[in-house]
Amino acid sequence: MYFNMTKTFSYLMIVAGILLIGLGLWQYMPKSFSSDTPDSEFMSITTKRVIFPILGLILSLIGYTLIRFVREVEDEVKSLRNEISLLAQKVEKNTEKSRN
């Protein structure tokens, strides 16, 4: 209820991470190059092969951890509300007894 935006952001992080992993793995697909392709092109492909999957994994893990954290906080908030309502009922009963 309170954390809908955070949950949405977390799910988007997970999806973006999966897309980055897929993009990084796609870089491993065989490609044809001409003999006069500069070395910087090969370095760029190698960098993408390594960086994209790592960033995707990190982003997915952060999103998953954030979702778990939000669930724990929501459960704790729910239990605190129940406890507060029980305490309020006890106080109300005690004030009625003291009036009589």
PDB file of N, CA and C in Angstrom:
ATOM      1  N   MET A   1       0.829  -1.183   0.000  1.00  0.00           N
ATOM      2  CA  MET A   1       0.000   0.000   0.000  1.00  0.00           C
ATOM      3  C   MET A   1       0.874   1.249   0.000  1.00  0.00           C
ATOM      4  N   TYR A   2       1.791   1.330   0.927  1.00  0.00           N
ATOM      5  CA  TYR A   2       2.652   2.504   1.002  1.00  0.00           C
ATOM      6  C   TYR A   2       3.866   2.388   0.083  1.00  0.00           C
ATOM      7  N   PHE A   3       4.203   1.174  -0.272  1.00  0.00           N
ATOM      8  CA  PHE A   3       5.448   0.934  -0.983  1.00  0.00           C
ATOM      9  C   PHE A   3       5.234   0.544  -2.448  1.00  0.00           C
ATOM     10  N   ASN A   4       4.106   0.920  -3.027  1.00  0.00           N
ATOM     11  CA  ASN A   4       3.826   0.532  -4.415  1.00  0.00           C
ATOM     12  C   ASN A   4       4.868   1.081  -5.372  1.00  0.00           C
ATOM     13  N   MET A   5       5.275   2.315  -5.183  1.00  0.00           N
ATOM     14  CA  MET A   5       6.269   2.919  -6.069  1.00  0.00           C
ATOM     15  C   MET A   5       7.621   2.208  -5.932  1.00  0.00           C
ATOM     16  N   THR A   6       7.983   1.856  -4.709  1.00  0.00           N
ATOM     17  CA  THR A   6       9.245   1.156  -4.481  1.00  0.00           C
ATOM     18  C   THR A   6       9.208  -0.236  -5.099  1.00  0.00           C
ATOM     19  N   LYS A   7       8.067  -0.918  -4.973  1.00  0.00           N
ATOM     20  CA  LYS A   7       7.940  -2.240  -5.581  1.00  0.00           C
ATOM     21  C   LYS A   7       8.042  -2.148  -7.099  1.00  0.00           C
ATOM     22  N   THR A   8       7.371  -1.164  -7.675  1.00  0.00           N
ATOM     23  CA  THR A   8       7.426  -0.981  -9.127  1.00  0.00           C
ATOM     24  C   THR A   8       8.851  -0.709  -9.576  1.00  0.00           C
ATOM     25  N   PHE A   9       9.543   0.143  -8.851  1.00  0.00           N
ATOM     26  CA  PHE A   9      10.938   0.448  -9.173  1.00  0.00           C
ATOM     27  C   PHE A   9      11.808  -0.796  -9.061  1.00  0.00           C
ATOM     28  N   SER A  10      11.547  -1.623  -8.058  1.00  0.00           N
ATOM     29  CA  SER A  10      12.321  -2.850  -7.880  1.00  0.00           C
ATOM     30  C   SER A  10      12.090  -3.820  -9.031  1.00  0.00           C
ATOM     31  N   TYR A  11      10.834  -3.966  -9.435  1.00  0.00           N
ATOM     32  CA  TYR A  11      10.542  -4.849 -10.561  1.00  0.00           C
ATOM     33  C   TYR A  11      11.182  -4.327 -11.846  1.00  0.00           C
ATOM     34  N   LEU A  12      11.179  -3.021 -12.029  1.00  0.00           N
ATOM     35  CA  LEU A  12      11.841  -2.443 -13.204  1.00  0.00           C
ATOM     36  C   LEU A  12      13.349  -2.693 -13.166  1.00  0.00           C
ATOM     37  N   MET A  13      13.934  -2.639 -11.976  1.00  0.00           N
ATOM     38  CA  MET A  13      15.361  -2.936 -11.851  1.00  0.00           C
ATOM     39  C   MET A  13      15.648  -4.382 -12.240  1.00  0.00           C
ATOM     40  N   ILE A  14      14.789  -5.291 -11.821  1.00  0.00           N
ATOM     41  CA  ILE A  14      14.990  -6.703 -12.152  1.00  0.00           C
ATOM     42  C   ILE A  14      14.865  -6.923 -13.653  1.00  0.00           C
ATOM     43  N   VAL A  15      13.852  -6.307 -14.258  1.00  0.00           N
ATOM     44  CA  VAL A  15      13.663  -6.456 -15.710  1.00  0.00           C
ATOM     45  C   VAL A  15      14.840  -5.852 -16.467  1.00  0.00           C
ATOM     46  N   ALA A  16      15.299  -4.683 -16.040  1.00  0.00           N
ATOM     47  CA  ALA A  16      16.454  -4.057 -16.694  1.00  0.00           C
ATOM     48  C   ALA A  16      17.698  -4.929 -16.532  1.00  0.00           C
ATOM     49  N   GLY A  17      17.857  -5.529 -15.371  1.00  0.00           N
ATOM     50  CA  GLY A  17      18.987  -6.427 -15.151  1.00  0.00           C
ATOM     51  C   GLY A  17      18.946  -7.638 -16.063  1.00  0.00           C
ATOM     52  N   ILE A  18      17.768  -8.210 -16.223  1.00  0.00           N
ATOM     53  CA  ILE A  18      17.627  -9.367 -17.110  1.00  0.00           C
ATOM     54  C   ILE A  18      17.919  -8.967 -18.551  1.00  0.00           C
ATOM     55  N   LEU A  19      17.436  -7.780 -18.947  1.00  0.00           N
ATOM     56  CA  LEU A  19      17.721  -7.311 -20.302  1.00  0.00           C
ATOM     57  C   LEU A  19      19.220  -7.081 -20.516  1.00  0.00           C
ATOM     58  N   LEU A  20      19.896  -6.540 -19.517  1.00  0.00           N
ATOM     59  CA  LEU A  20      21.346  -6.347 -19.633  1.00  0.00           C
ATOM     60  C   LEU A  20      22.088  -7.679 -19.714  1.00  0.00           C
ATOM     61  N   ILE A  21      21.640  -8.645 -18.947  1.00  0.00           N
ATOM     62  CA  ILE A  21      22.260  -9.974 -19.027  1.00  0.00           C
ATOM     63  C   ILE A  21      22.066 -10.544 -20.426  1.00  0.00           C
ATOM     64  N   GLY A  22      20.844 -10.426 -20.938  1.00  0.00           N
ATOM     65  CA  GLY A  22      20.575 -10.916 -22.290  1.00  0.00           C
ATOM     66  C   GLY A  22      21.389 -10.203 -23.348  1.00  0.00           C
ATOM     67  N   LEU A  23      21.524  -8.894 -23.203  1.00  0.00           N
ATOM     68  CA  LEU A  23      22.319  -8.121 -24.152  1.00  0.00           C
ATOM     69  C   LEU A  23      23.793  -8.516 -24.087  1.00  0.00           C
ATOM     70  N   GLY A  24      24.282  -8.740 -22.891  1.00  0.00           N
ATOM     71  CA  GLY A  24      25.670  -9.163 -22.736  1.00  0.00           C
ATOM     72  C   GLY A  24      25.921 -10.538 -23.317  1.00  0.00           C
ATOM     73  N   LEU A  25      24.963 -11.447 -23.120  1.00  0.00           N
ATOM     74  CA  LEU A  25      25.121 -12.784 -23.686  1.00  0.00           C
ATOM     75  C   LEU A  25      24.951 -12.763 -25.202  1.00  0.00           C
ATOM     76  N   TRP A  26      24.159 -11.836 -25.705  1.00  0.00           N
ATOM     77  CA  TRP A  26      23.992 -11.699 -27.149  1.00  0.00           C
ATOM     78  C   TRP A  26      25.299 -11.269 -27.810  1.00  0.00           C
ATOM     79  N   GLN A  27      26.147 -10.590 -27.080  1.00  0.00           N
ATOM     80  CA  GLN A  27      27.433 -10.169 -27.621  1.00  0.00           C
ATOM     81  C   GLN A  27      28.331 -11.361 -27.939  1.00  0.00           C
ATOM     82  N   TYR A  28      28.038 -12.523 -27.346  1.00  0.00           N
ATOM     83  CA  TYR A  28      28.821 -13.728 -27.616  1.00  0.00           C
ATOM     84  C   TYR A  28      28.431 -14.405 -28.930  1.00  0.00           C
ATOM     85  N   MET A  29      27.344 -13.942 -29.549  1.00  0.00           N
ATOM     86  CA  MET A  29      26.935 -14.539 -30.832  1.00  0.00           C
ATOM     87  C   MET A  29      28.016 -14.264 -31.878  1.00  0.00           C
ATOM     88  N   PRO A  30      28.283 -15.225 -32.733  1.00  0.00           N
ATOM     89  CA  PRO A  30      29.329 -15.032 -33.750  1.00  0.00           C
ATOM     90  C   PRO A  30      28.969 -13.900 -34.714  1.00  0.00           C
ATOM     91  N   LYS A  31      29.945 -13.099 -35.026  1.00  0.00           N
ATOM     92  CA  LYS A  31      29.776 -11.978 -35.940  1.00  0.00           C
ATOM     93  C   LYS A  31      30.922 -12.015 -36.943  1.00  0.00           C
ATOM     94  N   SER A  32      30.668 -11.469 -38.093  1.00  0.00           N
ATOM     95  CA  SER A  32      31.741 -11.419 -39.091  1.00  0.00           C
ATOM     96  C   SER A  32      32.353 -10.026 -39.105  1.00  0.00           C
ATOM     97  N   PHE A  33      33.649  -9.976 -39.172  1.00  0.00           N
ATOM     98  CA  PHE A  33      34.381  -8.717 -39.217  1.00  0.00           C
ATOM     99  C   PHE A  33      35.315  -8.747 -40.411  1.00  0.00           C
ATOM    100  N   SER A  34      35.576  -7.575 -40.917  1.00  0.00           N
ATOM    101  CA  SER A  34      36.561  -7.502 -41.999  1.00  0.00           C
ATOM    102  C   SER A  34      37.958  -7.432 -41.387  1.00  0.00           C
ATOM    103  N   SER A  35      38.941  -7.626 -42.207  1.00  0.00           N
ATOM    104  CA  SER A  35      40.310  -7.647 -41.702  1.00  0.00           C
ATOM    105  C   SER A  35      40.793  -6.265 -41.271  1.00  0.00           C
ATOM    106  N   ASP A  36      40.147  -5.206 -41.740  1.00  0.00           N
ATOM    107  CA  ASP A  36      40.585  -3.869 -41.345  1.00  0.00           C
ATOM    108  C   ASP A  36      39.707  -3.267 -40.250  1.00  0.00           C
ATOM    109  N   THR A  37      39.050  -4.124 -39.458  1.00  0.00           N
ATOM    110  CA  THR A  37      38.280  -3.655 -38.308  1.00  0.00           C
ATOM    111  C   THR A  37      39.261  -3.200 -37.229  1.00  0.00           C
ATOM    112  N   PRO A  38      39.064  -1.994 -36.695  1.00  0.00           N
ATOM    113  CA  PRO A  38      40.019  -1.498 -35.683  1.00  0.00           C
ATOM    114  C   PRO A  38      39.959  -2.312 -34.390  1.00  0.00           C
ATOM    115  N   ASP A  39      41.057  -2.276 -33.668  1.00  0.00           N
ATOM    116  CA  ASP A  39      41.140  -3.002 -32.400  1.00  0.00           C
ATOM    117  C   ASP A  39      40.158  -2.447 -31.373  1.00  0.00           C
ATOM    118  N   SER A  40      39.836  -1.182 -31.472  1.00  0.00           N
ATOM    119  CA  SER A  40      38.905  -0.582 -30.519  1.00  0.00           C
ATOM    120  C   SER A  40      37.528  -1.245 -30.619  1.00  0.00           C
ATOM    121  N   GLU A  41      37.149  -1.691 -31.800  1.00  0.00           N
ATOM    122  CA  GLU A  41      35.874  -2.392 -31.970  1.00  0.00           C
ATOM    123  C   GLU A  41      35.893  -3.724 -31.214  1.00  0.00           C
ATOM    124  N   PHE A  42      36.980  -4.444 -31.298  1.00  0.00           N
ATOM    125  CA  PHE A  42      37.099  -5.707 -30.573  1.00  0.00           C
ATOM    126  C   PHE A  42      37.127  -5.470 -29.061  1.00  0.00           C
ATOM    127  N   MET A  43      37.792  -4.412 -28.644  1.00  0.00           N
ATOM    128  CA  MET A  43      37.822  -4.081 -27.210  1.00  0.00           C
ATOM    129  C   MET A  43      36.424  -3.708 -26.719  1.00  0.00           C
ATOM    130  N   SER A  44      35.682  -2.990 -27.539  1.00  0.00           N
ATOM    131  CA  SER A  44      34.323  -2.606 -27.176  1.00  0.00           C
ATOM    132  C   SER A  44      33.435  -3.838 -27.015  1.00  0.00           C
ATOM    133  N   ILE A  45      33.539  -4.780 -27.931  1.00  0.00           N
ATOM    134  CA  ILE A  45      32.732  -6.000 -27.856  1.00  0.00           C
ATOM    135  C   ILE A  45      33.120  -6.818 -26.626  1.00  0.00           C
ATOM    136  N   THR A  46      34.405  -6.929 -26.369  1.00  0.00           N
ATOM    137  CA  THR A  46      34.865  -7.677 -25.203  1.00  0.00           C
ATOM    138  C   THR A  46      34.379  -7.028 -23.911  1.00  0.00           C
ATOM    139  N   THR A  47      34.431  -5.711 -23.873  1.00  0.00           N
ATOM    140  CA  THR A  47      33.953  -4.989 -22.690  1.00  0.00           C
ATOM    141  C   THR A  47      32.463  -5.224 -22.497  1.00  0.00           C
ATOM    142  N   LYS A  48      31.688  -5.163 -23.561  1.00  0.00           N
ATOM    143  CA  LYS A  48      30.246  -5.399 -23.461  1.00  0.00           C
ATOM    144  C   LYS A  48      29.954  -6.825 -23.008  1.00  0.00           C
ATOM    145  N   ARG A  49      30.758  -7.767 -23.458  1.00  0.00           N
ATOM    146  CA  ARG A  49      30.556  -9.163 -23.065  1.00  0.00           C
ATOM    147  C   ARG A  49      30.737  -9.360 -21.574  1.00  0.00           C
ATOM    148  N   VAL A  50      31.604  -8.581 -20.986  1.00  0.00           N
ATOM    149  CA  VAL A  50      31.898  -8.740 -19.563  1.00  0.00           C
ATOM    150  C   VAL A  50      31.022  -7.830 -18.701  1.00  0.00           C
ATOM    151  N   ILE A  51      30.925  -6.567 -19.072  1.00  0.00           N
ATOM    152  CA  ILE A  51      30.265  -5.565 -18.228  1.00  0.00           C
ATOM    153  C   ILE A  51      28.747  -5.733 -18.192  1.00  0.00           C
ATOM    154  N   PHE A  52      28.115  -5.953 -19.346  1.00  0.00           N
ATOM    155  CA  PHE A  52      26.652  -6.031 -19.362  1.00  0.00           C
ATOM    156  C   PHE A  52      26.104  -7.152 -18.477  1.00  0.00           C
ATOM    157  N   PRO A  53      26.612  -8.373 -18.564  1.00  0.00           N
ATOM    158  CA  PRO A  53      26.079  -9.408 -17.666  1.00  0.00           C
ATOM    159  C   PRO A  53      26.345  -9.124 -16.186  1.00  0.00           C
ATOM    160  N   ILE A  54      27.503  -8.561 -15.890  1.00  0.00           N
ATOM    161  CA  ILE A  54      27.811  -8.252 -14.483  1.00  0.00           C
ATOM    162  C   ILE A  54      26.876  -7.172 -13.958  1.00  0.00           C
ATOM    163  N   LEU A  55      26.688  -6.101 -14.726  1.00  0.00           N
ATOM    164  CA  LEU A  55      25.768  -5.040 -14.304  1.00  0.00           C
ATOM    165  C   LEU A  55      24.336  -5.552 -14.202  1.00  0.00           C
ATOM    166  N   GLY A  56      23.941  -6.401 -15.144  1.00  0.00           N
ATOM    167  CA  GLY A  56      22.602  -6.974 -15.095  1.00  0.00           C
ATOM    168  C   GLY A  56      22.390  -7.819 -13.852  1.00  0.00           C
ATOM    169  N   LEU A  57      23.376  -8.610 -13.515  1.00  0.00           N
ATOM    170  CA  LEU A  57      23.285  -9.442 -12.318  1.00  0.00           C
ATOM    171  C   LEU A  57      23.207  -8.582 -11.061  1.00  0.00           C
ATOM    172  N   ILE A  58      24.042  -7.566 -10.993  1.00  0.00           N
ATOM    173  CA  ILE A  58      24.032  -6.668  -9.827  1.00  0.00           C
ATOM    174  C   ILE A  58      22.696  -5.953  -9.712  1.00  0.00           C
ATOM    175  N   LEU A  59      22.186  -5.446 -10.826  1.00  0.00           N
ATOM    176  CA  LEU A  59      20.910  -4.730 -10.825  1.00  0.00           C
ATOM    177  C   LEU A  59      19.767  -5.658 -10.414  1.00  0.00           C
ATOM    178  N   SER A  60      19.764  -6.874 -10.913  1.00  0.00           N
ATOM    179  CA  SER A  60      18.721  -7.836 -10.539  1.00  0.00           C
ATOM    180  C   SER A  60      18.792  -8.190  -9.061  1.00  0.00           C
ATOM    181  N   LEU A  61      19.997  -8.388  -8.554  1.00  0.00           N
ATOM    182  CA  LEU A  61      20.147  -8.713  -7.131  1.00  0.00           C
ATOM    183  C   LEU A  61      19.705  -7.564  -6.230  1.00  0.00           C
ATOM    184  N   ILE A  62      20.030  -6.341  -6.617  1.00  0.00           N
ATOM    185  CA  ILE A  62      19.593  -5.188  -5.828  1.00  0.00           C
ATOM    186  C   ILE A  62      18.071  -5.082  -5.849  1.00  0.00           C
ATOM    187  N   GLY A  63      17.457  -5.272  -7.013  1.00  0.00           N
ATOM    188  CA  GLY A  63      16.000  -5.225  -7.104  1.00  0.00           C
ATOM    189  C   GLY A  63      15.342  -6.301  -6.267  1.00  0.00           C
ATOM    190  N   TYR A  64      15.877  -7.527  -6.331  1.00  0.00           N
ATOM    191  CA  TYR A  64      15.328  -8.629  -5.541  1.00  0.00           C
ATOM    192  C   TYR A  64      15.472  -8.354  -4.044  1.00  0.00           C
ATOM    193  N   THR A  65      16.622  -7.860  -3.647  1.00  0.00           N
ATOM    194  CA  THR A  65      16.843  -7.544  -2.229  1.00  0.00           C
ATOM    195  C   THR A  65      15.902  -6.441  -1.760  1.00  0.00           C
ATOM    196  N   LEU A  66      15.684  -5.449  -2.599  1.00  0.00           N
ATOM    197  CA  LEU A  66      14.778  -4.354  -2.242  1.00  0.00           C
ATOM    198  C   LEU A  66      13.347  -4.858  -2.093  1.00  0.00           C
ATOM    199  N   ILE A  67      12.922  -5.761  -2.971  1.00  0.00           N
ATOM    200  CA  ILE A  67      11.574  -6.329  -2.852  1.00  0.00           C
ATOM    201  C   ILE A  67      11.433  -7.120  -1.556  1.00  0.00           C
ATOM    202  N   ARG A  68      12.435  -7.922  -1.223  1.00  0.00           N
ATOM    203  CA  ARG A  68      12.381  -8.678   0.032  1.00  0.00           C
ATOM    204  C   ARG A  68      12.343  -7.746   1.235  1.00  0.00           C
ATOM    205  N   PHE A  69      13.114  -6.668   1.188  1.00  0.00           N
ATOM    206  CA  PHE A  69      13.127  -5.701   2.283  1.00  0.00           C
ATOM    207  C   PHE A  69      11.750  -5.052   2.437  1.00  0.00           C
ATOM    208  N   VAL A  70      11.143  -4.671   1.330  1.00  0.00           N
ATOM    209  CA  VAL A  70       9.819  -4.034   1.379  1.00  0.00           C
ATOM    210  C   VAL A  70       8.792  -5.009   1.950  1.00  0.00           C
ATOM    211  N   ARG A  71       8.858  -6.268   1.562  1.00  0.00           N
ATOM    212  CA  ARG A  71       7.923  -7.261   2.111  1.00  0.00           C
ATOM    213  C   ARG A  71       8.096  -7.413   3.618  1.00  0.00           C
ATOM    214  N   GLU A  72       9.332  -7.444   4.069  1.00  0.00           N
ATOM    215  CA  GLU A  72       9.581  -7.552   5.514  1.00  0.00           C
ATOM    216  C   GLU A  72       9.035  -6.328   6.257  1.00  0.00           C
ATOM    217  N   VAL A  73       9.249  -5.157   5.693  1.00  0.00           N
ATOM    218  CA  VAL A  73       8.760  -3.935   6.333  1.00  0.00           C
ATOM    219  C   VAL A  73       7.233  -3.926   6.363  1.00  0.00           C
ATOM    220  N   GLU A  74       6.603  -4.349   5.266  1.00  0.00           N
ATOM    221  CA  GLU A  74       5.141  -4.398   5.241  1.00  0.00           C
ATOM    222  C   GLU A  74       4.601  -5.378   6.285  1.00  0.00           C
ATOM    223  N   ASP A  75       5.236  -6.532   6.416  1.00  0.00           N
ATOM    224  CA  ASP A  75       4.804  -7.497   7.437  1.00  0.00           C
ATOM    225  C   ASP A  75       4.961  -6.922   8.836  1.00  0.00           C
ATOM    226  N   GLU A  76       6.058  -6.242   9.057  1.00  0.00           N
ATOM    227  CA  GLU A  76       6.294  -5.642  10.378  1.00  0.00           C
ATOM    228  C   GLU A  76       5.269  -4.545  10.672  1.00  0.00           C
ATOM    229  N   VAL A  77       4.965  -3.735   9.679  1.00  0.00           N
ATOM    230  CA  VAL A  77       3.972  -2.671   9.857  1.00  0.00           C
ATOM    231  C   VAL A  77       2.609  -3.279  10.169  1.00  0.00           C
ATOM    232  N   LYS A  78       2.268  -4.356   9.464  1.00  0.00           N
ATOM    233  CA  LYS A  78       0.982  -5.012   9.706  1.00  0.00           C
ATOM    234  C   LYS A  78       0.900  -5.563  11.120  1.00  0.00           C
ATOM    235  N   SER A  79       1.960  -6.203  11.580  1.00  0.00           N
ATOM    236  CA  SER A  79       1.948  -6.757  12.935  1.00  0.00           C
ATOM    237  C   SER A  79       1.910  -5.647  13.989  1.00  0.00           C
ATOM    238  N   LEU A  80       2.598  -4.535  13.717  1.00  0.00           N
ATOM    239  CA  LEU A  80       2.547  -3.407  14.659  1.00  0.00           C
ATOM    240  C   LEU A  80       1.150  -2.795  14.726  1.00  0.00           C
ATOM    241  N   ARG A  81       0.478  -2.708  13.598  1.00  0.00           N
ATOM    242  CA  ARG A  81      -0.888  -2.178  13.611  1.00  0.00           C
ATOM    243  C   ARG A  81      -1.817  -3.083  14.404  1.00  0.00           C
ATOM    244  N   ASN A  82      -1.670  -4.396  14.229  1.00  0.00           N
ATOM    245  CA  ASN A  82      -2.492  -5.323  15.004  1.00  0.00           C
ATOM    246  C   ASN A  82      -2.215  -5.189  16.488  1.00  0.00           C
ATOM    247  N   GLU A  83      -0.960  -5.065  16.834  1.00  0.00           N
ATOM    248  CA  GLU A  83      -0.593  -4.923  18.242  1.00  0.00           C
ATOM    249  C   GLU A  83      -1.136  -3.621  18.825  1.00  0.00           C
ATOM    250  N   ILE A  84      -1.069  -2.556  18.062  1.00  0.00           N
ATOM    251  CA  ILE A  84      -1.587  -1.268  18.538  1.00  0.00           C
ATOM    252  C   ILE A  84      -3.097  -1.329  18.720  1.00  0.00           C
ATOM    253  N   SER A  85      -3.794  -1.990  17.794  1.00  0.00           N
ATOM    254  CA  SER A  85      -5.254  -2.092  17.949  1.00  0.00           C
ATOM    255  C   SER A  85      -5.620  -2.932  19.167  1.00  0.00           C
ATOM    256  N   LEU A  86      -4.865  -4.000  19.434  1.00  0.00           N
ATOM    257  CA  LEU A  86      -5.125  -4.796  20.637  1.00  0.00           C
ATOM    258  C   LEU A  86      -4.866  -3.992  21.903  1.00  0.00           C
ATOM    259  N   LEU A  87      -3.792  -3.227  21.909  1.00  0.00           N
ATOM    260  CA  LEU A  87      -3.504  -2.378  23.074  1.00  0.00           C
ATOM    261  C   LEU A  87      -4.566  -1.293  23.255  1.00  0.00           C
ATOM    262  N   ALA A  88      -5.051  -0.751  22.155  1.00  0.00           N
ATOM    263  CA  ALA A  88      -6.107   0.270  22.254  1.00  0.00           C
ATOM    264  C   ALA A  88      -7.379  -0.333  22.824  1.00  0.00           C
ATOM    265  N   GLN A  89      -7.707  -1.562  22.446  1.00  0.00           N
ATOM    266  CA  GLN A  89      -8.873  -2.230  23.009  1.00  0.00           C
ATOM    267  C   GLN A  89      -8.708  -2.488  24.496  1.00  0.00           C
ATOM    268  N   LYS A  90      -7.505  -2.882  24.912  1.00  0.00           N
ATOM    269  CA  LYS A  90      -7.252  -3.119  26.335  1.00  0.00           C
ATOM    270  C   LYS A  90      -7.381  -1.828  27.123  1.00  0.00           C
ATOM    271  N   VAL A  91      -6.842  -0.755  26.591  1.00  0.00           N
ATOM    272  CA  VAL A  91      -6.934   0.539  27.274  1.00  0.00           C
ATOM    273  C   VAL A  91      -8.385   0.981  27.379  1.00  0.00           C
ATOM    274  N   GLU A  92      -9.137   0.766  26.317  1.00  0.00           N
ATOM    275  CA  GLU A  92     -10.549   1.146  26.330  1.00  0.00           C
ATOM    276  C   GLU A  92     -11.318   0.352  27.375  1.00  0.00           C
ATOM    277  N   LYS A  93     -11.034  -0.953  27.499  1.00  0.00           N
ATOM    278  CA  LYS A  93     -11.677  -1.773  28.506  1.00  0.00           C
ATOM    279  C   LYS A  93     -11.316  -1.321  29.918  1.00  0.00           C
ATOM    280  N   ASN A  94     -10.040  -0.969  30.108  1.00  0.00           N
ATOM    281  CA  ASN A  94      -9.599  -0.525  31.435  1.00  0.00           C
ATOM    282  C   ASN A  94     -10.223   0.815  31.814  1.00  0.00           C
ATOM    283  N   THR A  95     -10.380   1.702  30.858  1.00  0.00           N
ATOM    284  CA  THR A  95     -11.002   3.003  31.172  1.00  0.00           C
ATOM    285  C   THR A  95     -12.491   2.827  31.465  1.00  0.00           C
ATOM    286  N   GLU A  96     -13.155   1.863  30.805  1.00  0.00           N
ATOM    287  CA  GLU A  96     -14.560   1.617  31.103  1.00  0.00           C
ATOM    288  C   GLU A  96     -14.715   1.023  32.502  1.00  0.00           C
ATOM    289  N   LYS A  97     -13.782   0.150  32.898  1.00  0.00           N
ATOM    290  CA  LYS A  97     -13.836  -0.453  34.232  1.00  0.00           C
ATOM    291  C   LYS A  97     -13.582   0.606  35.300  1.00  0.00           C
ATOM    292  N   SER A  98     -12.682   1.521  35.037  1.00  0.00           N
ATOM    293  CA  SER A  98     -12.367   2.539  36.054  1.00  0.00           C
ATOM    294  C   SER A  98     -13.492   3.556  36.189  1.00  0.00           C
ATOM    295  N   ARG A  99     -14.295   3.759  35.174  1.00  0.00           N
ATOM    296  CA  ARG A  99     -15.425   4.691  35.244  1.00  0.00           C
ATOM    297  C   ARG A  99     -16.567   4.072  36.066  1.00  0.00           C
ATOM    298  N   ASN A 100     -16.685   2.761  36.015  1.00  0.00           N
ATOM    299  CA  ASN A 100     -17.798   2.088  36.727  1.00  0.00           C
ATOM    300  C   ASN A 100     -17.448   1.831  38.129  1.00  0.00           C
TER     301      ASN A 100
END
